[in-house]
Amino acid sequence: AMKGQKEAVKAVADRARSQGATDG
């Protein structure tokens, strides 16, 4: 996000959710 990598943010957020990351 700090680097402005929007597609990477989206992809990694999906991965984080699959690893148990909460919306919070």
PDBML (XML) file of the C-alpha atoms, coordinates in Angstrom:
<?xml version="1.0" encoding="UTF-8" ?>
<PDBx:datablock datablockName="MODEL"
   xmlns:PDBx="http://pdbml.pdb.org/schema/pdbx-v50.xsd"
   xmlns:xsi="http://www.w3.org/2001/XMLSchema-instance"
   xsi:schemaLocation="http://pdbml.pdb.org/schema/pdbx-v50.xsd pdbx-v50.xsd">
   <PDBx:atom_siteCategory>
      <PDBx:atom_site id="1">
         <PDBx:B_iso_or_equiv>0.00</PDBx:B_iso_or_equiv>
         <PDBx:Cartn_x>0.000</PDBx:Cartn_x>
         <PDBx:Cartn_y>0.000</PDBx:Cartn_y>
         <PDBx:Cartn_z>0.000</PDBx:Cartn_z>
         <PDBx:auth_asym_id>A</PDBx:auth_asym_id>
         <PDBx:auth_atom_id>CA</PDBx:auth_atom_id>
         <PDBx:auth_comp_id>ALA</PDBx:auth_comp_id>
         <PDBx:auth_seq_id>1</PDBx:auth_seq_id>
         <PDBx:group_PDB>ATOM</PDBx:group_PDB>
         <PDBx:label_alt_id xsi:nil="true" />
         <PDBx:label_asym_id>A</PDBx:label_asym_id>
         <PDBx:label_atom_id>CA</PDBx:label_atom_id>
         <PDBx:label_comp_id>ALA</PDBx:label_comp_id>
         <PDBx:label_entity_id>1</PDBx:label_entity_id>
         <PDBx:label_seq_id>1</PDBx:label_seq_id>
         <PDBx:occupancy>1.00</PDBx:occupancy>
         <PDBx:pdbx_PDB_model_num>1</PDBx:pdbx_PDB_model_num>
         <PDBx:type_symbol>C</PDBx:type_symbol>
      </PDBx:atom_site>
      <PDBx:atom_site id="2">
         <PDBx:B_iso_or_equiv>0.00</PDBx:B_iso_or_equiv>
         <PDBx:Cartn_x>2.823</PDBx:Cartn_x>
         <PDBx:Cartn_y>2.383</PDBx:Cartn_y>
         <PDBx:Cartn_z>0.847</PDBx:Cartn_z>
         <PDBx:auth_asym_id>A</PDBx:auth_asym_id>
         <PDBx:auth_atom_id>CA</PDBx:auth_atom_id>
         <PDBx:auth_comp_id>MET</PDBx:auth_comp_id>
         <PDBx:auth_seq_id>2</PDBx:auth_seq_id>
         <PDBx:group_PDB>ATOM</PDBx:group_PDB>
         <PDBx:label_alt_id xsi:nil="true" />
         <PDBx:label_asym_id>A</PDBx:label_asym_id>
         <PDBx:label_atom_id>CA</PDBx:label_atom_id>
         <PDBx:label_comp_id>MET</PDBx:label_comp_id>
         <PDBx:label_entity_id>1</PDBx:label_entity_id>
         <PDBx:label_seq_id>2</PDBx:label_seq_id>
         <PDBx:occupancy>1.00</PDBx:occupancy>
         <PDBx:pdbx_PDB_model_num>1</PDBx:pdbx_PDB_model_num>
         <PDBx:type_symbol>C</PDBx:type_symbol>
      </PDBx:atom_site>
      <PDBx:atom_site id="3">
         <PDBx:B_iso_or_equiv>0.00</PDBx:B_iso_or_equiv>
         <PDBx:Cartn_x>4.329</PDBx:Cartn_x>
         <PDBx:Cartn_y>1.678</PDBx:Cartn_y>
         <PDBx:Cartn_z>-2.576</PDBx:Cartn_z>
         <PDBx:auth_asym_id>A</PDBx:auth_asym_id>
         <PDBx:auth_atom_id>CA</PDBx:auth_atom_id>
         <PDBx:auth_comp_id>LYS</PDBx:auth_comp_id>
         <PDBx:auth_seq_id>3</PDBx:auth_seq_id>
         <PDBx:group_PDB>ATOM</PDBx:group_PDB>
         <PDBx:label_alt_id xsi:nil="true" />
         <PDBx:label_asym_id>A</PDBx:label_asym_id>
         <PDBx:label_atom_id>CA</PDBx:label_atom_id>
         <PDBx:label_comp_id>LYS</PDBx:label_comp_id>
         <PDBx:label_entity_id>1</PDBx:label_entity_id>
         <PDBx:label_seq_id>3</PDBx:label_seq_id>
         <PDBx:occupancy>1.00</PDBx:occupancy>
         <PDBx:pdbx_PDB_model_num>1</PDBx:pdbx_PDB_model_num>
         <PDBx:type_symbol>C</PDBx:type_symbol>
      </PDBx:atom_site>
      <PDBx:atom_site id="4">
         <PDBx:B_iso_or_equiv>0.00</PDBx:B_iso_or_equiv>
         <PDBx:Cartn_x>0.974</PDBx:Cartn_x>
         <PDBx:Cartn_y>2.185</PDBx:Cartn_y>
         <PDBx:Cartn_z>-4.342</PDBx:Cartn_z>
         <PDBx:auth_asym_id>A</PDBx:auth_asym_id>
         <PDBx:auth_atom_id>CA</PDBx:auth_atom_id>
         <PDBx:auth_comp_id>GLY</PDBx:auth_comp_id>
         <PDBx:auth_seq_id>4</PDBx:auth_seq_id>
         <PDBx:group_PDB>ATOM</PDBx:group_PDB>
         <PDBx:label_alt_id xsi:nil="true" />
         <PDBx:label_asym_id>A</PDBx:label_asym_id>
         <PDBx:label_atom_id>CA</PDBx:label_atom_id>
         <PDBx:label_comp_id>GLY</PDBx:label_comp_id>
         <PDBx:label_entity_id>1</PDBx:label_entity_id>
         <PDBx:label_seq_id>4</PDBx:label_seq_id>
         <PDBx:occupancy>1.00</PDBx:occupancy>
         <PDBx:pdbx_PDB_model_num>1</PDBx:pdbx_PDB_model_num>
         <PDBx:type_symbol>C</PDBx:type_symbol>
      </PDBx:atom_site>
      <PDBx:atom_site id="5">
         <PDBx:B_iso_or_equiv>0.00</PDBx:B_iso_or_equiv>
         <PDBx:Cartn_x>0.757</PDBx:Cartn_x>
         <PDBx:Cartn_y>-1.430</PDBx:Cartn_y>
         <PDBx:Cartn_z>-5.529</PDBx:Cartn_z>
         <PDBx:auth_asym_id>A</PDBx:auth_asym_id>
         <PDBx:auth_atom_id>CA</PDBx:auth_atom_id>
         <PDBx:auth_comp_id>GLN</PDBx:auth_comp_id>
         <PDBx:auth_seq_id>5</PDBx:auth_seq_id>
         <PDBx:group_PDB>ATOM</PDBx:group_PDB>
         <PDBx:label_alt_id xsi:nil="true" />
         <PDBx:label_asym_id>A</PDBx:label_asym_id>
         <PDBx:label_atom_id>CA</PDBx:label_atom_id>
         <PDBx:label_comp_id>GLN</PDBx:label_comp_id>
         <PDBx:label_entity_id>1</PDBx:label_entity_id>
         <PDBx:label_seq_id>5</PDBx:label_seq_id>
         <PDBx:occupancy>1.00</PDBx:occupancy>
         <PDBx:pdbx_PDB_model_num>1</PDBx:pdbx_PDB_model_num>
         <PDBx:type_symbol>C</PDBx:type_symbol>
      </PDBx:atom_site>
      <PDBx:atom_site id="6">
         <PDBx:B_iso_or_equiv>0.00</PDBx:B_iso_or_equiv>
         <PDBx:Cartn_x>-3.043</PDBx:Cartn_x>
         <PDBx:Cartn_y>-1.728</PDBx:Cartn_y>
         <PDBx:Cartn_z>-5.726</PDBx:Cartn_z>
         <PDBx:auth_asym_id>A</PDBx:auth_asym_id>
         <PDBx:auth_atom_id>CA</PDBx:auth_atom_id>
         <PDBx:auth_comp_id>LYS</PDBx:auth_comp_id>
         <PDBx:auth_seq_id>6</PDBx:auth_seq_id>
         <PDBx:group_PDB>ATOM</PDBx:group_PDB>
         <PDBx:label_alt_id xsi:nil="true" />
         <PDBx:label_asym_id>A</PDBx:label_asym_id>
         <PDBx:label_atom_id>CA</PDBx:label_atom_id>
         <PDBx:label_comp_id>LYS</PDBx:label_comp_id>
         <PDBx:label_entity_id>1</PDBx:label_entity_id>
         <PDBx:label_seq_id>6</PDBx:label_seq_id>
         <PDBx:occupancy>1.00</PDBx:occupancy>
         <PDBx:pdbx_PDB_model_num>1</PDBx:pdbx_PDB_model_num>
         <PDBx:type_symbol>C</PDBx:type_symbol>
      </PDBx:atom_site>
      <PDBx:atom_site id="7">
         <PDBx:B_iso_or_equiv>0.00</PDBx:B_iso_or_equiv>
         <PDBx:Cartn_x>-3.277</PDBx:Cartn_x>
         <PDBx:Cartn_y>-5.153</PDBx:Cartn_y>
         <PDBx:Cartn_z>-7.385</PDBx:Cartn_z>
         <PDBx:auth_asym_id>A</PDBx:auth_asym_id>
         <PDBx:auth_atom_id>CA</PDBx:auth_atom_id>
         <PDBx:auth_comp_id>GLU</PDBx:auth_comp_id>
         <PDBx:auth_seq_id>7</PDBx:auth_seq_id>
         <PDBx:group_PDB>ATOM</PDBx:group_PDB>
         <PDBx:label_alt_id xsi:nil="true" />
         <PDBx:label_asym_id>A</PDBx:label_asym_id>
         <PDBx:label_atom_id>CA</PDBx:label_atom_id>
         <PDBx:label_comp_id>GLU</PDBx:label_comp_id>
         <PDBx:label_entity_id>1</PDBx:label_entity_id>
         <PDBx:label_seq_id>7</PDBx:label_seq_id>
         <PDBx:occupancy>1.00</PDBx:occupancy>
         <PDBx:pdbx_PDB_model_num>1</PDBx:pdbx_PDB_model_num>
         <PDBx:type_symbol>C</PDBx:type_symbol>
      </PDBx:atom_site>
      <PDBx:atom_site id="8">
         <PDBx:B_iso_or_equiv>0.00</PDBx:B_iso_or_equiv>
         <PDBx:Cartn_x>-0.718</PDBx:Cartn_x>
         <PDBx:Cartn_y>-6.572</PDBx:Cartn_y>
         <PDBx:Cartn_z>-4.964</PDBx:Cartn_z>
         <PDBx:auth_asym_id>A</PDBx:auth_asym_id>
         <PDBx:auth_atom_id>CA</PDBx:auth_atom_id>
         <PDBx:auth_comp_id>ALA</PDBx:auth_comp_id>
         <PDBx:auth_seq_id>8</PDBx:auth_seq_id>
         <PDBx:group_PDB>ATOM</PDBx:group_PDB>
         <PDBx:label_alt_id xsi:nil="true" />
         <PDBx:label_asym_id>A</PDBx:label_asym_id>
         <PDBx:label_atom_id>CA</PDBx:label_atom_id>
         <PDBx:label_comp_id>ALA</PDBx:label_comp_id>
         <PDBx:label_entity_id>1</PDBx:label_entity_id>
         <PDBx:label_seq_id>8</PDBx:label_seq_id>
         <PDBx:occupancy>1.00</PDBx:occupancy>
         <PDBx:pdbx_PDB_model_num>1</PDBx:pdbx_PDB_model_num>
         <PDBx:type_symbol>C</PDBx:type_symbol>
      </PDBx:atom_site>
      <PDBx:atom_site id="9">
         <PDBx:B_iso_or_equiv>0.00</PDBx:B_iso_or_equiv>
         <PDBx:Cartn_x>-2.684</PDBx:Cartn_x>
         <PDBx:Cartn_y>-5.173</PDBx:Cartn_y>
         <PDBx:Cartn_z>-1.997</PDBx:Cartn_z>
         <PDBx:auth_asym_id>A</PDBx:auth_asym_id>
         <PDBx:auth_atom_id>CA</PDBx:auth_atom_id>
         <PDBx:auth_comp_id>VAL</PDBx:auth_comp_id>
         <PDBx:auth_seq_id>9</PDBx:auth_seq_id>
         <PDBx:group_PDB>ATOM</PDBx:group_PDB>
         <PDBx:label_alt_id xsi:nil="true" />
         <PDBx:label_asym_id>A</PDBx:label_asym_id>
         <PDBx:label_atom_id>CA</PDBx:label_atom_id>
         <PDBx:label_comp_id>VAL</PDBx:label_comp_id>
         <PDBx:label_entity_id>1</PDBx:label_entity_id>
         <PDBx:label_seq_id>9</PDBx:label_seq_id>
         <PDBx:occupancy>1.00</PDBx:occupancy>
         <PDBx:pdbx_PDB_model_num>1</PDBx:pdbx_PDB_model_num>
         <PDBx:type_symbol>C</PDBx:type_symbol>
      </PDBx:atom_site>
      <PDBx:atom_site id="10">
         <PDBx:B_iso_or_equiv>0.00</PDBx:B_iso_or_equiv>
         <PDBx:Cartn_x>-5.823</PDBx:Cartn_x>
         <PDBx:Cartn_y>-6.878</PDBx:Cartn_y>
         <PDBx:Cartn_z>-3.259</PDBx:Cartn_z>
         <PDBx:auth_asym_id>A</PDBx:auth_asym_id>
         <PDBx:auth_atom_id>CA</PDBx:auth_atom_id>
         <PDBx:auth_comp_id>LYS</PDBx:auth_comp_id>
         <PDBx:auth_seq_id>10</PDBx:auth_seq_id>
         <PDBx:group_PDB>ATOM</PDBx:group_PDB>
         <PDBx:label_alt_id xsi:nil="true" />
         <PDBx:label_asym_id>A</PDBx:label_asym_id>
         <PDBx:label_atom_id>CA</PDBx:label_atom_id>
         <PDBx:label_comp_id>LYS</PDBx:label_comp_id>
         <PDBx:label_entity_id>1</PDBx:label_entity_id>
         <PDBx:label_seq_id>10</PDBx:label_seq_id>
         <PDBx:occupancy>1.00</PDBx:occupancy>
         <PDBx:pdbx_PDB_model_num>1</PDBx:pdbx_PDB_model_num>
         <PDBx:type_symbol>C</PDBx:type_symbol>
      </PDBx:atom_site>
      <PDBx:atom_site id="11">
         <PDBx:B_iso_or_equiv>0.00</PDBx:B_iso_or_equiv>
         <PDBx:Cartn_x>-4.097</PDBx:Cartn_x>
         <PDBx:Cartn_y>-10.227</PDBx:Cartn_y>
         <PDBx:Cartn_z>-3.826</PDBx:Cartn_z>
         <PDBx:auth_asym_id>A</PDBx:auth_asym_id>
         <PDBx:auth_atom_id>CA</PDBx:auth_atom_id>
         <PDBx:auth_comp_id>ALA</PDBx:auth_comp_id>
         <PDBx:auth_seq_id>11</PDBx:auth_seq_id>
         <PDBx:group_PDB>ATOM</PDBx:group_PDB>
         <PDBx:label_alt_id xsi:nil="true" />
         <PDBx:label_asym_id>A</PDBx:label_asym_id>
         <PDBx:label_atom_id>CA</PDBx:label_atom_id>
         <PDBx:label_comp_id>ALA</PDBx:label_comp_id>
         <PDBx:label_entity_id>1</PDBx:label_entity_id>
         <PDBx:label_seq_id>11</PDBx:label_seq_id>
         <PDBx:occupancy>1.00</PDBx:occupancy>
         <PDBx:pdbx_PDB_model_num>1</PDBx:pdbx_PDB_model_num>
         <PDBx:type_symbol>C</PDBx:type_symbol>
      </PDBx:atom_site>
      <PDBx:atom_site id="12">
         <PDBx:B_iso_or_equiv>0.00</PDBx:B_iso_or_equiv>
         <PDBx:Cartn_x>-2.261</PDBx:Cartn_x>
         <PDBx:Cartn_y>-10.234</PDBx:Cartn_y>
         <PDBx:Cartn_z>-0.508</PDBx:Cartn_z>
         <PDBx:auth_asym_id>A</PDBx:auth_asym_id>
         <PDBx:auth_atom_id>CA</PDBx:auth_atom_id>
         <PDBx:auth_comp_id>VAL</PDBx:auth_comp_id>
         <PDBx:auth_seq_id>12</PDBx:auth_seq_id>
         <PDBx:group_PDB>ATOM</PDBx:group_PDB>
         <PDBx:label_alt_id xsi:nil="true" />
         <PDBx:label_asym_id>A</PDBx:label_asym_id>
         <PDBx:label_atom_id>CA</PDBx:label_atom_id>
         <PDBx:label_comp_id>VAL</PDBx:label_comp_id>
         <PDBx:label_entity_id>1</PDBx:label_entity_id>
         <PDBx:label_seq_id>12</PDBx:label_seq_id>
         <PDBx:occupancy>1.00</PDBx:occupancy>
         <PDBx:pdbx_PDB_model_num>1</PDBx:pdbx_PDB_model_num>
         <PDBx:type_symbol>C</PDBx:type_symbol>
      </PDBx:atom_site>
      <PDBx:atom_site id="13">
         <PDBx:B_iso_or_equiv>0.00</PDBx:B_iso_or_equiv>
         <PDBx:Cartn_x>-5.400</PDBx:Cartn_x>
         <PDBx:Cartn_y>-9.180</PDBx:Cartn_y>
         <PDBx:Cartn_z>1.387</PDBx:Cartn_z>
         <PDBx:auth_asym_id>A</PDBx:auth_asym_id>
         <PDBx:auth_atom_id>CA</PDBx:auth_atom_id>
         <PDBx:auth_comp_id>ALA</PDBx:auth_comp_id>
         <PDBx:auth_seq_id>13</PDBx:auth_seq_id>
         <PDBx:group_PDB>ATOM</PDBx:group_PDB>
         <PDBx:label_alt_id xsi:nil="true" />
         <PDBx:label_asym_id>A</PDBx:label_asym_id>
         <PDBx:label_atom_id>CA</PDBx:label_atom_id>
         <PDBx:label_comp_id>ALA</PDBx:label_comp_id>
         <PDBx:label_entity_id>1</PDBx:label_entity_id>
         <PDBx:label_seq_id>13</PDBx:label_seq_id>
         <PDBx:occupancy>1.00</PDBx:occupancy>
         <PDBx:pdbx_PDB_model_num>1</PDBx:pdbx_PDB_model_num>
         <PDBx:type_symbol>C</PDBx:type_symbol>
      </PDBx:atom_site>
      <PDBx:atom_site id="14">
         <PDBx:B_iso_or_equiv>0.00</PDBx:B_iso_or_equiv>
         <PDBx:Cartn_x>-7.167</PDBx:Cartn_x>
         <PDBx:Cartn_y>-12.227</PDBx:Cartn_y>
         <PDBx:Cartn_z>-0.058</PDBx:Cartn_z>
         <PDBx:auth_asym_id>A</PDBx:auth_asym_id>
         <PDBx:auth_atom_id>CA</PDBx:auth_atom_id>
         <PDBx:auth_comp_id>ASP</PDBx:auth_comp_id>
         <PDBx:auth_seq_id>14</PDBx:auth_seq_id>
         <PDBx:group_PDB>ATOM</PDBx:group_PDB>
         <PDBx:label_alt_id xsi:nil="true" />
         <PDBx:label_asym_id>A</PDBx:label_asym_id>
         <PDBx:label_atom_id>CA</PDBx:label_atom_id>
         <PDBx:label_comp_id>ASP</PDBx:label_comp_id>
         <PDBx:label_entity_id>1</PDBx:label_entity_id>
         <PDBx:label_seq_id>14</PDBx:label_seq_id>
         <PDBx:occupancy>1.00</PDBx:occupancy>
         <PDBx:pdbx_PDB_model_num>1</PDBx:pdbx_PDB_model_num>
         <PDBx:type_symbol>C</PDBx:type_symbol>
      </PDBx:atom_site>
      <PDBx:atom_site id="15">
         <PDBx:B_iso_or_equiv>0.00</PDBx:B_iso_or_equiv>
         <PDBx:Cartn_x>-4.261</PDBx:Cartn_x>
         <PDBx:Cartn_y>-14.384</PDBx:Cartn_y>
         <PDBx:Cartn_z>1.079</PDBx:Cartn_z>
         <PDBx:auth_asym_id>A</PDBx:auth_asym_id>
         <PDBx:auth_atom_id>CA</PDBx:auth_atom_id>
         <PDBx:auth_comp_id>ARG</PDBx:auth_comp_id>
         <PDBx:auth_seq_id>15</PDBx:auth_seq_id>
         <PDBx:group_PDB>ATOM</PDBx:group_PDB>
         <PDBx:label_alt_id xsi:nil="true" />
         <PDBx:label_asym_id>A</PDBx:label_asym_id>
         <PDBx:label_atom_id>CA</PDBx:label_atom_id>
         <PDBx:label_comp_id>ARG</PDBx:label_comp_id>
         <PDBx:label_entity_id>1</PDBx:label_entity_id>
         <PDBx:label_seq_id>15</PDBx:label_seq_id>
         <PDBx:occupancy>1.00</PDBx:occupancy>
         <PDBx:pdbx_PDB_model_num>1</PDBx:pdbx_PDB_model_num>
         <PDBx:type_symbol>C</PDBx:type_symbol>
      </PDBx:atom_site>
      <PDBx:atom_site id="16">
         <PDBx:B_iso_or_equiv>0.00</PDBx:B_iso_or_equiv>
         <PDBx:Cartn_x>-4.302</PDBx:Cartn_x>
         <PDBx:Cartn_y>-12.791</PDBx:Cartn_y>
         <PDBx:Cartn_z>4.547</PDBx:Cartn_z>
         <PDBx:auth_asym_id>A</PDBx:auth_asym_id>
         <PDBx:auth_atom_id>CA</PDBx:auth_atom_id>
         <PDBx:auth_comp_id>ALA</PDBx:auth_comp_id>
         <PDBx:auth_seq_id>16</PDBx:auth_seq_id>
         <PDBx:group_PDB>ATOM</PDBx:group_PDB>
         <PDBx:label_alt_id xsi:nil="true" />
         <PDBx:label_asym_id>A</PDBx:label_asym_id>
         <PDBx:label_atom_id>CA</PDBx:label_atom_id>
         <PDBx:label_comp_id>ALA</PDBx:label_comp_id>
         <PDBx:label_entity_id>1</PDBx:label_entity_id>
         <PDBx:label_seq_id>16</PDBx:label_seq_id>
         <PDBx:occupancy>1.00</PDBx:occupancy>
         <PDBx:pdbx_PDB_model_num>1</PDBx:pdbx_PDB_model_num>
         <PDBx:type_symbol>C</PDBx:type_symbol>
      </PDBx:atom_site>
      <PDBx:atom_site id="17">
         <PDBx:B_iso_or_equiv>0.00</PDBx:B_iso_or_equiv>
         <PDBx:Cartn_x>-8.022</PDBx:Cartn_x>
         <PDBx:Cartn_y>-13.536</PDBx:Cartn_y>
         <PDBx:Cartn_z>4.878</PDBx:Cartn_z>
         <PDBx:auth_asym_id>A</PDBx:auth_asym_id>
         <PDBx:auth_atom_id>CA</PDBx:auth_atom_id>
         <PDBx:auth_comp_id>ARG</PDBx:auth_comp_id>
         <PDBx:auth_seq_id>17</PDBx:auth_seq_id>
         <PDBx:group_PDB>ATOM</PDBx:group_PDB>
         <PDBx:label_alt_id xsi:nil="true" />
         <PDBx:label_asym_id>A</PDBx:label_asym_id>
         <PDBx:label_atom_id>CA</PDBx:label_atom_id>
         <PDBx:label_comp_id>ARG</PDBx:label_comp_id>
         <PDBx:label_entity_id>1</PDBx:label_entity_id>
         <PDBx:label_seq_id>17</PDBx:label_seq_id>
         <PDBx:occupancy>1.00</PDBx:occupancy>
         <PDBx:pdbx_PDB_model_num>1</PDBx:pdbx_PDB_model_num>
         <PDBx:type_symbol>C</PDBx:type_symbol>
      </PDBx:atom_site>
      <PDBx:atom_site id="18">
         <PDBx:B_iso_or_equiv>0.00</PDBx:B_iso_or_equiv>
         <PDBx:Cartn_x>-7.374</PDBx:Cartn_x>
         <PDBx:Cartn_y>-17.167</PDBx:Cartn_y>
         <PDBx:Cartn_z>3.968</PDBx:Cartn_z>
         <PDBx:auth_asym_id>A</PDBx:auth_asym_id>
         <PDBx:auth_atom_id>CA</PDBx:auth_atom_id>
         <PDBx:auth_comp_id>SER</PDBx:auth_comp_id>
         <PDBx:auth_seq_id>18</PDBx:auth_seq_id>
         <PDBx:group_PDB>ATOM</PDBx:group_PDB>
         <PDBx:label_alt_id xsi:nil="true" />
         <PDBx:label_asym_id>A</PDBx:label_asym_id>
         <PDBx:label_atom_id>CA</PDBx:label_atom_id>
         <PDBx:label_comp_id>SER</PDBx:label_comp_id>
         <PDBx:label_entity_id>1</PDBx:label_entity_id>
         <PDBx:label_seq_id>18</PDBx:label_seq_id>
         <PDBx:occupancy>1.00</PDBx:occupancy>
         <PDBx:pdbx_PDB_model_num>1</PDBx:pdbx_PDB_model_num>
         <PDBx:type_symbol>C</PDBx:type_symbol>
      </PDBx:atom_site>
      <PDBx:atom_site id="19">
         <PDBx:B_iso_or_equiv>0.00</PDBx:B_iso_or_equiv>
         <PDBx:Cartn_x>-4.748</PDBx:Cartn_x>
         <PDBx:Cartn_y>-17.187</PDBx:Cartn_y>
         <PDBx:Cartn_z>6.737</PDBx:Cartn_z>
         <PDBx:auth_asym_id>A</PDBx:auth_asym_id>
         <PDBx:auth_atom_id>CA</PDBx:auth_atom_id>
         <PDBx:auth_comp_id>GLN</PDBx:auth_comp_id>
         <PDBx:auth_seq_id>19</PDBx:auth_seq_id>
         <PDBx:group_PDB>ATOM</PDBx:group_PDB>
         <PDBx:label_alt_id xsi:nil="true" />
         <PDBx:label_asym_id>A</PDBx:label_asym_id>
         <PDBx:label_atom_id>CA</PDBx:label_atom_id>
         <PDBx:label_comp_id>GLN</PDBx:label_comp_id>
         <PDBx:label_entity_id>1</PDBx:label_entity_id>
         <PDBx:label_seq_id>19</PDBx:label_seq_id>
         <PDBx:occupancy>1.00</PDBx:occupancy>
         <PDBx:pdbx_PDB_model_num>1</PDBx:pdbx_PDB_model_num>
         <PDBx:type_symbol>C</PDBx:type_symbol>
      </PDBx:atom_site>
      <PDBx:atom_site id="20">
         <PDBx:B_iso_or_equiv>0.00</PDBx:B_iso_or_equiv>
         <PDBx:Cartn_x>-7.308</PDBx:Cartn_x>
         <PDBx:Cartn_y>-15.947</PDBx:Cartn_y>
         <PDBx:Cartn_z>9.260</PDBx:Cartn_z>
         <PDBx:auth_asym_id>A</PDBx:auth_asym_id>
         <PDBx:auth_atom_id>CA</PDBx:auth_atom_id>
         <PDBx:auth_comp_id>GLY</PDBx:auth_comp_id>
         <PDBx:auth_seq_id>20</PDBx:auth_seq_id>
         <PDBx:group_PDB>ATOM</PDBx:group_PDB>
         <PDBx:label_alt_id xsi:nil="true" />
         <PDBx:label_asym_id>A</PDBx:label_asym_id>
         <PDBx:label_atom_id>CA</PDBx:label_atom_id>
         <PDBx:label_comp_id>GLY</PDBx:label_comp_id>
         <PDBx:label_entity_id>1</PDBx:label_entity_id>
         <PDBx:label_seq_id>20</PDBx:label_seq_id>
         <PDBx:occupancy>1.00</PDBx:occupancy>
         <PDBx:pdbx_PDB_model_num>1</PDBx:pdbx_PDB_model_num>
         <PDBx:type_symbol>C</PDBx:type_symbol>
      </PDBx:atom_site>
      <PDBx:atom_site id="21">
         <PDBx:B_iso_or_equiv>0.00</PDBx:B_iso_or_equiv>
         <PDBx:Cartn_x>-6.893</PDBx:Cartn_x>
         <PDBx:Cartn_y>-12.170</PDBx:Cartn_y>
         <PDBx:Cartn_z>9.102</PDBx:Cartn_z>
         <PDBx:auth_asym_id>A</PDBx:auth_asym_id>
         <PDBx:auth_atom_id>CA</PDBx:auth_atom_id>
         <PDBx:auth_comp_id>ALA</PDBx:auth_comp_id>
         <PDBx:auth_seq_id>21</PDBx:auth_seq_id>
         <PDBx:group_PDB>ATOM</PDBx:group_PDB>
         <PDBx:label_alt_id xsi:nil="true" />
         <PDBx:label_asym_id>A</PDBx:label_asym_id>
         <PDBx:label_atom_id>CA</PDBx:label_atom_id>
         <PDBx:label_comp_id>ALA</PDBx:label_comp_id>
         <PDBx:label_entity_id>1</PDBx:label_entity_id>
         <PDBx:label_seq_id>21</PDBx:label_seq_id>
         <PDBx:occupancy>1.00</PDBx:occupancy>
         <PDBx:pdbx_PDB_model_num>1</PDBx:pdbx_PDB_model_num>
         <PDBx:type_symbol>C</PDBx:type_symbol>
      </PDBx:atom_site>
      <PDBx:atom_site id="22">
         <PDBx:B_iso_or_equiv>0.00</PDBx:B_iso_or_equiv>
         <PDBx:Cartn_x>-9.996</PDBx:Cartn_x>
         <PDBx:Cartn_y>-10.342</PDBx:Cartn_y>
         <PDBx:Cartn_z>10.255</PDBx:Cartn_z>
         <PDBx:auth_asym_id>A</PDBx:auth_asym_id>
         <PDBx:auth_atom_id>CA</PDBx:auth_atom_id>
         <PDBx:auth_comp_id>THR</PDBx:auth_comp_id>
         <PDBx:auth_seq_id>22</PDBx:auth_seq_id>
         <PDBx:group_PDB>ATOM</PDBx:group_PDB>
         <PDBx:label_alt_id xsi:nil="true" />
         <PDBx:label_asym_id>A</PDBx:label_asym_id>
         <PDBx:label_atom_id>CA</PDBx:label_atom_id>
         <PDBx:label_comp_id>THR</PDBx:label_comp_id>
         <PDBx:label_entity_id>1</PDBx:label_entity_id>
         <PDBx:label_seq_id>22</PDBx:label_seq_id>
         <PDBx:occupancy>1.00</PDBx:occupancy>
         <PDBx:pdbx_PDB_model_num>1</PDBx:pdbx_PDB_model_num>
         <PDBx:type_symbol>C</PDBx:type_symbol>
      </PDBx:atom_site>
      <PDBx:atom_site id="23">
         <PDBx:B_iso_or_equiv>0.00</PDBx:B_iso_or_equiv>
         <PDBx:Cartn_x>-11.538</PDBx:Cartn_x>
         <PDBx:Cartn_y>-7.293</PDBx:Cartn_y>
         <PDBx:Cartn_z>8.629</PDBx:Cartn_z>
         <PDBx:auth_asym_id>A</PDBx:auth_asym_id>
         <PDBx:auth_atom_id>CA</PDBx:auth_atom_id>
         <PDBx:auth_comp_id>ASP</PDBx:auth_comp_id>
         <PDBx:auth_seq_id>23</PDBx:auth_seq_id>
         <PDBx:group_PDB>ATOM</PDBx:group_PDB>
         <PDBx:label_alt_id xsi:nil="true" />
         <PDBx:label_asym_id>A</PDBx:label_asym_id>
         <PDBx:label_atom_id>CA</PDBx:label_atom_id>
         <PDBx:label_comp_id>ASP</PDBx:label_comp_id>
         <PDBx:label_entity_id>1</PDBx:label_entity_id>
         <PDBx:label_seq_id>23</PDBx:label_seq_id>
         <PDBx:occupancy>1.00</PDBx:occupancy>
         <PDBx:pdbx_PDB_model_num>1</PDBx:pdbx_PDB_model_num>
         <PDBx:type_symbol>C</PDBx:type_symbol>
      </PDBx:atom_site>
      <PDBx:atom_site id="24">
         <PDBx:B_iso_or_equiv>0.00</PDBx:B_iso_or_equiv>
         <PDBx:Cartn_x>-10.445</PDBx:Cartn_x>
         <PDBx:Cartn_y>-5.345</PDBx:Cartn_y>
         <PDBx:Cartn_z>11.710</PDBx:Cartn_z>
         <PDBx:auth_asym_id>A</PDBx:auth_asym_id>
         <PDBx:auth_atom_id>CA</PDBx:auth_atom_id>
         <PDBx:auth_comp_id>GLY</PDBx:auth_comp_id>
         <PDBx:auth_seq_id>24</PDBx:auth_seq_id>
         <PDBx:group_PDB>ATOM</PDBx:group_PDB>
         <PDBx:label_alt_id xsi:nil="true" />
         <PDBx:label_asym_id>A</PDBx:label_asym_id>
         <PDBx:label_atom_id>CA</PDBx:label_atom_id>
         <PDBx:label_comp_id>GLY</PDBx:label_comp_id>
         <PDBx:label_entity_id>1</PDBx:label_entity_id>
         <PDBx:label_seq_id>24</PDBx:label_seq_id>
         <PDBx:occupancy>1.00</PDBx:occupancy>
         <PDBx:pdbx_PDB_model_num>1</PDBx:pdbx_PDB_model_num>
         <PDBx:type_symbol>C</PDBx:type_symbol>
      </PDBx:atom_site>
   </PDBx:atom_siteCategory>
</PDBx:datablock>
